[in-house]
Amino acid sequence: VGFVPVRKLGKLPADIVSVEYELEY
């Protein structure tokens, strides 16, 4: 099957959806 990368802010070149989330640090 295909693989979809989820990237950090500003790394994808086309239209995106985004979400801010909390890390342990």
PDB file of all heavy atoms in Angstrom:
ATOM      1  N   VAL A   1       0.850  -1.196   0.000  1.00  0.00           N
ATOM      2  CA  VAL A   1       0.000   0.000   0.000  1.00  0.00           C
ATOM      3  C   VAL A   1       0.885   1.245   0.000  1.00  0.00           C
ATOM      4  O   VAL A   1       2.095   1.166   0.184  1.00  0.00           O
ATOM      5  CB  VAL A   1      -0.964   0.011   1.219  1.00  0.00           C
ATOM      6  CG1 VAL A   1      -1.869  -1.213   1.201  1.00  0.00           C
ATOM      7  CG2 VAL A   1      -0.214   0.113   2.537  1.00  0.00           C
ATOM      8  N   GLY A   2       0.257   2.398  -0.164  1.00  0.00           N
ATOM      9  CA  GLY A   2       0.996   3.646  -0.178  1.00  0.00           C
ATOM     10  C   GLY A   2       1.417   4.089   1.215  1.00  0.00           C
ATOM     11  O   GLY A   2       0.898   3.623   2.230  1.00  0.00           O
ATOM     12  N   PHE A   3       2.377   5.011   1.219  1.00  0.00           N
ATOM     13  CA  PHE A   3       2.875   5.600   2.461  1.00  0.00           C
ATOM     14  C   PHE A   3       2.671   7.108   2.402  1.00  0.00           C
ATOM     15  O   PHE A   3       3.001   7.751   1.402  1.00  0.00           O
ATOM     16  CB  PHE A   3       4.360   5.299   2.656  1.00  0.00           C
ATOM     17  CG  PHE A   3       4.943   5.980   3.857  1.00  0.00           C
ATOM     18  CD1 PHE A   3       4.694   5.491   5.121  1.00  0.00           C
ATOM     19  CD2 PHE A   3       5.710   7.131   3.716  1.00  0.00           C
ATOM     20  CE1 PHE A   3       5.202   6.142   6.249  1.00  0.00           C
ATOM     21  CE2 PHE A   3       6.229   7.777   4.829  1.00  0.00           C
ATOM     22  CZ  PHE A   3       5.984   7.280   6.091  1.00  0.00           C
ATOM     23  N   VAL A   4       2.123   7.681   3.475  1.00  0.00           N
ATOM     24  CA  VAL A   4       1.892   9.120   3.568  1.00  0.00           C
ATOM     25  C   VAL A   4       2.736   9.681   4.708  1.00  0.00           C
ATOM     26  O   VAL A   4       2.563   9.269   5.862  1.00  0.00           O
ATOM     27  CB  VAL A   4       0.395   9.422   3.821  1.00  0.00           C
ATOM     28  CG1 VAL A   4       0.185  10.906   4.112  1.00  0.00           C
ATOM     29  CG2 VAL A   4      -0.442   8.981   2.633  1.00  0.00           C
ATOM     30  N   PRO A   5       3.622  10.632   4.394  1.00  0.00           N
ATOM     31  CA  PRO A   5       4.405  11.262   5.462  1.00  0.00           C
ATOM     32  C   PRO A   5       3.638  12.408   6.119  1.00  0.00           C
ATOM     33  O   PRO A   5       3.003  13.212   5.439  1.00  0.00           O
ATOM     34  CB  PRO A   5       5.632  11.795   4.721  1.00  0.00           C
ATOM     35  CG  PRO A   5       5.143  12.076   3.338  1.00  0.00           C
ATOM     36  CD  PRO A   5       4.065  11.047   3.065  1.00  0.00           C
ATOM     37  N   VAL A   6       3.697  12.456   7.433  1.00  0.00           N
ATOM     38  CA  VAL A   6       3.225  13.599   8.200  1.00  0.00           C
ATOM     39  C   VAL A   6       4.478  14.373   8.574  1.00  0.00           C
ATOM     40  O   VAL A   6       5.402  13.816   9.165  1.00  0.00           O
ATOM     41  CB  VAL A   6       2.428  13.163   9.445  1.00  0.00           C
ATOM     42  CG1 VAL A   6       2.162  14.339  10.368  1.00  0.00           C
ATOM     43  CG2 VAL A   6       1.126  12.501   9.025  1.00  0.00           C
ATOM     44  N   ARG A   7       4.510  15.652   8.178  1.00  0.00           N
ATOM     45  CA  ARG A   7       5.735  16.439   8.321  1.00  0.00           C
ATOM     46  C   ARG A   7       5.580  17.544   9.359  1.00  0.00           C
ATOM     47  O   ARG A   7       4.471  17.927   9.718  1.00  0.00           O
ATOM     48  CB  ARG A   7       6.107  17.082   6.980  1.00  0.00           C
ATOM     49  CG  ARG A   7       6.345  16.147   5.806  1.00  0.00           C
ATOM     50  CD  ARG A   7       7.577  15.279   5.924  1.00  0.00           C
ATOM     51  NE  ARG A   7       8.777  15.947   6.343  1.00  0.00           N
ATOM     52  CZ  ARG A   7       9.719  16.429   5.528  1.00  0.00           C
ATOM     53  NH1 ARG A   7       9.577  16.353   4.224  1.00  0.00           N
ATOM     54  NH2 ARG A   7      10.810  16.987   6.028  1.00  0.00           N
ATOM     55  N   LYS A   8       6.710  18.061   9.779  1.00  0.00           N
ATOM     56  CA  LYS A   8       6.728  19.219  10.654  1.00  0.00           C
ATOM     57  C   LYS A   8       6.401  20.472   9.837  1.00  0.00           C
ATOM     58  O   LYS A   8       6.462  20.458   8.604  1.00  0.00           O
ATOM     59  CB  LYS A   8       8.095  19.331  11.322  1.00  0.00           C
ATOM     60  CG  LYS A   8       8.357  18.167  12.260  1.00  0.00           C
ATOM     61  CD  LYS A   8       9.748  18.198  12.835  1.00  0.00           C
ATOM     62  CE  LYS A   8       9.968  16.949  13.698  1.00  0.00           C
ATOM     63  NZ  LYS A   8      11.361  16.749  14.038  1.00  0.00           N
ATOM     64  N   LEU A   9       6.084  21.537  10.533  1.00  0.00           N
ATOM     65  CA  LEU A   9       5.651  22.798   9.941  1.00  0.00           C
ATOM     66  C   LEU A   9       6.587  23.268   8.819  1.00  0.00           C
ATOM     67  O   LEU A   9       7.798  23.313   8.988  1.00  0.00           O
ATOM     68  CB  LEU A   9       5.595  23.868  11.038  1.00  0.00           C
ATOM     69  CG  LEU A   9       5.123  25.255  10.637  1.00  0.00           C
ATOM     70  CD1 LEU A   9       3.667  25.223  10.216  1.00  0.00           C
ATOM     71  CD2 LEU A   9       5.305  26.214  11.811  1.00  0.00           C
ATOM     72  N   GLY A  10       5.981  23.575   7.658  1.00  0.00           N
ATOM     73  CA  GLY A  10       6.710  24.197   6.565  1.00  0.00           C
ATOM     74  C   GLY A  10       7.508  23.281   5.666  1.00  0.00           C
ATOM     75  O   GLY A  10       8.275  23.752   4.833  1.00  0.00           O
ATOM     76  N   LYS A  11       7.341  21.971   5.772  1.00  0.00           N
ATOM     77  CA  LYS A  11       8.150  21.031   4.992  1.00  0.00           C
ATOM     78  C   LYS A  11       7.445  20.487   3.750  1.00  0.00           C
ATOM     79  O   LYS A  11       8.083  19.850   2.928  1.00  0.00           O
ATOM     80  CB  LYS A  11       8.579  19.845   5.867  1.00  0.00           C
ATOM     81  CG  LYS A  11       9.401  20.223   7.076  1.00  0.00           C
ATOM     82  CD  LYS A  11      10.769  20.677   6.672  1.00  0.00           C
ATOM     83  CE  LYS A  11      11.619  20.952   7.900  1.00  0.00           C
ATOM     84  NZ  LYS A  11      12.949  21.402   7.539  1.00  0.00           N
ATOM     85  N   LEU A  12       6.148  20.694   3.632  1.00  0.00           N
ATOM     86  CA  LEU A  12       5.404  20.142   2.490  1.00  0.00           C
ATOM     87  C   LEU A  12       5.130  21.230   1.459  1.00  0.00           C
ATOM     88  O   LEU A  12       4.746  22.345   1.815  1.00  0.00           O
ATOM     89  CB  LEU A  12       4.096  19.509   2.970  1.00  0.00           C
ATOM     90  CG  LEU A  12       4.265  18.246   3.810  1.00  0.00           C
ATOM     91  CD1 LEU A  12       2.911  17.804   4.373  1.00  0.00           C
ATOM     92  CD2 LEU A  12       4.889  17.126   2.999  1.00  0.00           C
ATOM     93  N   PRO A  13       5.271  20.908   0.161  1.00  0.00           N
ATOM     94  CA  PRO A  13       5.204  21.934  -0.883  1.00  0.00           C
ATOM     95  C   PRO A  13       3.810  22.258  -1.419  1.00  0.00           C
ATOM     96  O   PRO A  13       3.634  23.284  -2.068  1.00  0.00           O
ATOM     97  CB  PRO A  13       6.048  21.323  -1.999  1.00  0.00           C
ATOM     98  CG  PRO A  13       5.847  19.849  -1.844  1.00  0.00           C
ATOM     99  CD  PRO A  13       5.761  19.628  -0.353  1.00  0.00           C
ATOM    100  N   ALA A  14       2.821  21.421  -1.185  1.00  0.00           N
ATOM    101  CA  ALA A  14       1.491  21.641  -1.770  1.00  0.00           C
ATOM    102  C   ALA A  14       0.492  22.004  -0.671  1.00  0.00           C
ATOM    103  O   ALA A  14       0.869  22.223   0.483  1.00  0.00           O
ATOM    104  CB  ALA A  14       1.049  20.392  -2.535  1.00  0.00           C
ATOM    105  N   ASP A  15      -0.792  22.048  -1.027  1.00  0.00           N
ATOM    106  CA  ASP A  15      -1.840  22.397  -0.061  1.00  0.00           C
ATOM    107  C   ASP A  15      -1.837  21.408   1.099  1.00  0.00           C
ATOM    108  O   ASP A  15      -1.721  20.195   0.897  1.00  0.00           O
ATOM    109  CB  ASP A  15      -3.208  22.385  -0.732  1.00  0.00           C
ATOM    110  CG  ASP A  15      -3.359  23.498  -1.757  1.00  0.00           C
ATOM    111  OD1 ASP A  15      -2.636  24.514  -1.650  1.00  0.00           O
ATOM    112  OD2 ASP A  15      -4.200  23.358  -2.652  1.00  0.00           O
ATOM    113  N   ILE A  16      -2.008  21.942   2.312  1.00  0.00           N
ATOM    114  CA  ILE A  16      -1.882  21.107   3.515  1.00  0.00           C
ATOM    115  C   ILE A  16      -3.063  21.311   4.460  1.00  0.00           C
ATOM    116  O   ILE A  16      -3.766  22.312   4.399  1.00  0.00           O
ATOM    117  CB  ILE A  16      -0.565  21.401   4.276  1.00  0.00           C
ATOM    118  CG1 ILE A  16      -0.395  22.909   4.609  1.00  0.00           C
ATOM    119  CG2 ILE A  16       0.634  20.953   3.497  1.00  0.00           C
ATOM    120  CD1 ILE A  16      -0.744  23.239   6.001  1.00  0.00           C
ATOM    121  N   VAL A  17      -3.239  20.311   5.339  1.00  0.00           N
ATOM    122  CA  VAL A  17      -4.018  20.462   6.557  1.00  0.00           C
ATOM    123  C   VAL A  17      -2.993  20.448   7.680  1.00  0.00           C
ATOM    124  O   VAL A  17      -1.923  19.845   7.546  1.00  0.00           O
ATOM    125  CB  VAL A  17      -5.072  19.339   6.745  1.00  0.00           C
ATOM    126  CG1 VAL A  17      -6.181  19.480   5.728  1.00  0.00           C
ATOM    127  CG2 VAL A  17      -4.454  17.966   6.703  1.00  0.00           C
ATOM    128  N   SER A  18      -3.291  21.124   8.793  1.00  0.00           N
ATOM    129  CA  SER A  18      -2.312  21.181   9.877  1.00  0.00           C
ATOM    130  C   SER A  18      -3.006  21.096  11.229  1.00  0.00           C
ATOM    131  O   SER A  18      -4.213  21.319  11.343  1.00  0.00           O
ATOM    132  CB  SER A  18      -1.469  22.454   9.784  1.00  0.00           C
ATOM    133  OG  SER A  18      -2.256  23.592  10.013  1.00  0.00           O
ATOM    134  N   VAL A  19      -2.198  20.769  12.229  1.00  0.00           N
ATOM    135  CA  VAL A  19      -2.683  20.696  13.602  1.00  0.00           C
ATOM    136  C   VAL A  19      -1.514  21.016  14.535  1.00  0.00           C
ATOM    137  O   VAL A  19      -0.384  20.597  14.295  1.00  0.00           O
ATOM    138  CB  VAL A  19      -3.286  19.302  13.921  1.00  0.00           C
ATOM    139  CG1 VAL A  19      -2.249  18.203  13.836  1.00  0.00           C
ATOM    140  CG2 VAL A  19      -3.955  19.292  15.283  1.00  0.00           C
ATOM    141  N   GLU A  20      -1.799  21.792  15.579  1.00  0.00           N
ATOM    142  CA  GLU A  20      -0.808  22.033  16.624  1.00  0.00           C
ATOM    143  C   GLU A  20      -1.083  21.034  17.737  1.00  0.00           C
ATOM    144  O   GLU A  20      -2.238  20.754  18.059  1.00  0.00           O
ATOM    145  CB  GLU A  20      -0.891  23.453  17.161  1.00  0.00           C
ATOM    146  CG  GLU A  20       0.245  23.761  18.121  1.00  0.00           C
ATOM    147  CD  GLU A  20       0.347  25.231  18.486  1.00  0.00           C
ATOM    148  OE1 GLU A  20      -0.153  26.076  17.728  1.00  0.00           O
ATOM    149  OE2 GLU A  20       0.925  25.505  19.556  1.00  0.00           O
ATOM    150  N   TYR A  21      -0.033  20.477  18.324  1.00  0.00           N
ATOM    151  CA  TYR A  21      -0.202  19.451  19.348  1.00  0.00           C
ATOM    152  C   TYR A  21       0.870  19.599  20.415  1.00  0.00           C
ATOM    153  O   TYR A  21       1.880  20.280  20.221  1.00  0.00           O
ATOM    154  CB  TYR A  21      -0.142  18.053  18.716  1.00  0.00           C
ATOM    155  CG  TYR A  21       1.232  17.677  18.217  1.00  0.00           C
ATOM    156  CD1 TYR A  21       2.039  16.804  18.941  1.00  0.00           C
ATOM    157  CD2 TYR A  21       1.737  18.209  17.038  1.00  0.00           C
ATOM    158  CE1 TYR A  21       3.309  16.480  18.498  1.00  0.00           C
ATOM    159  CE2 TYR A  21       3.005  17.886  16.594  1.00  0.00           C
ATOM    160  CZ  TYR A  21       3.784  17.024  17.327  1.00  0.00           C
ATOM    161  OH  TYR A  21       5.046  16.710  16.901  1.00  0.00           O
ATOM    162  N   GLU A  22       0.628  18.951  21.556  1.00  0.00           N
ATOM    163  CA  GLU A  22       1.547  19.003  22.687  1.00  0.00           C
ATOM    164  C   GLU A  22       2.451  17.782  22.694  1.00  0.00           C
ATOM    165  O   GLU A  22       1.993  16.659  22.481  1.00  0.00           O
ATOM    166  CB  GLU A  22       0.779  19.076  24.006  1.00  0.00           C
ATOM    167  CG  GLU A  22      -0.027  20.348  24.179  1.00  0.00           C
ATOM    168  CD  GLU A  22       0.809  21.607  24.149  1.00  0.00           C
ATOM    169  OE1 GLU A  22       1.887  21.630  24.785  1.00  0.00           O
ATOM    170  OE2 GLU A  22       0.400  22.571  23.474  1.00  0.00           O
ATOM    171  N   LEU A  23       3.725  18.006  22.931  1.00  0.00           N
ATOM    172  CA  LEU A  23       4.721  16.943  23.122  1.00  0.00           C
ATOM    173  C   LEU A  23       4.966  16.779  24.615  1.00  0.00           C
ATOM    174  O   LEU A  23       4.532  17.604  25.416  1.00  0.00           O
ATOM    175  CB  LEU A  23       6.051  17.340  22.471  1.00  0.00           C
ATOM    176  CG  LEU A  23       6.082  17.578  20.985  1.00  0.00           C
ATOM    177  CD1 LEU A  23       7.270  18.449  20.642  1.00  0.00           C
ATOM    178  CD2 LEU A  23       6.207  16.245  20.286  1.00  0.00           C
ATOM    179  N   GLU A  24       5.743  15.748  24.960  1.00  0.00           N
ATOM    180  CA  GLU A  24       6.102  15.595  26.368  1.00  0.00           C
ATOM    181  C   GLU A  24       7.045  16.691  26.837  1.00  0.00           C
ATOM    182  O   GLU A  24       7.217  16.919  28.017  1.00  0.00           O
ATOM    183  CB  GLU A  24       6.697  14.202  26.652  1.00  0.00           C
ATOM    184  CG  GLU A  24       7.880  13.830  25.825  1.00  0.00           C
ATOM    185  CD  GLU A  24       7.529  13.117  24.526  1.00  0.00           C
ATOM    186  OE1 GLU A  24       6.398  13.249  24.015  1.00  0.00           O
ATOM    187  OE2 GLU A  24       8.411  12.446  23.984  1.00  0.00           O
ATOM    188  N   TYR A  25       7.643  17.452  25.891  1.00  0.00           N
ATOM    189  CA  TYR A  25       8.568  18.519  26.275  1.00  0.00           C
ATOM    190  C   TYR A  25       8.374  19.778  25.427  1.00  0.00           C
ATOM    191  O   TYR A  25       9.315  20.463  25.088  1.00  0.00           O
ATOM    192  CB  TYR A  25      10.020  18.030  26.209  1.00  0.00           C
ATOM    193  CG  TYR A  25      10.366  17.282  24.939  1.00  0.00           C
ATOM    194  CD1 TYR A  25      10.745  17.953  23.792  1.00  0.00           C
ATOM    195  CD2 TYR A  25      10.294  15.896  24.892  1.00  0.00           C
ATOM    196  CE1 TYR A  25      11.044  17.276  22.634  1.00  0.00           C
ATOM    197  CE2 TYR A  25      10.602  15.207  23.728  1.00  0.00           C
ATOM    198  CZ  TYR A  25      10.980  15.904  22.611  1.00  0.00           C
ATOM    199  OH  TYR A  25      11.276  15.224  21.459  1.00  0.00           O
TER     200      TYR A  25
END
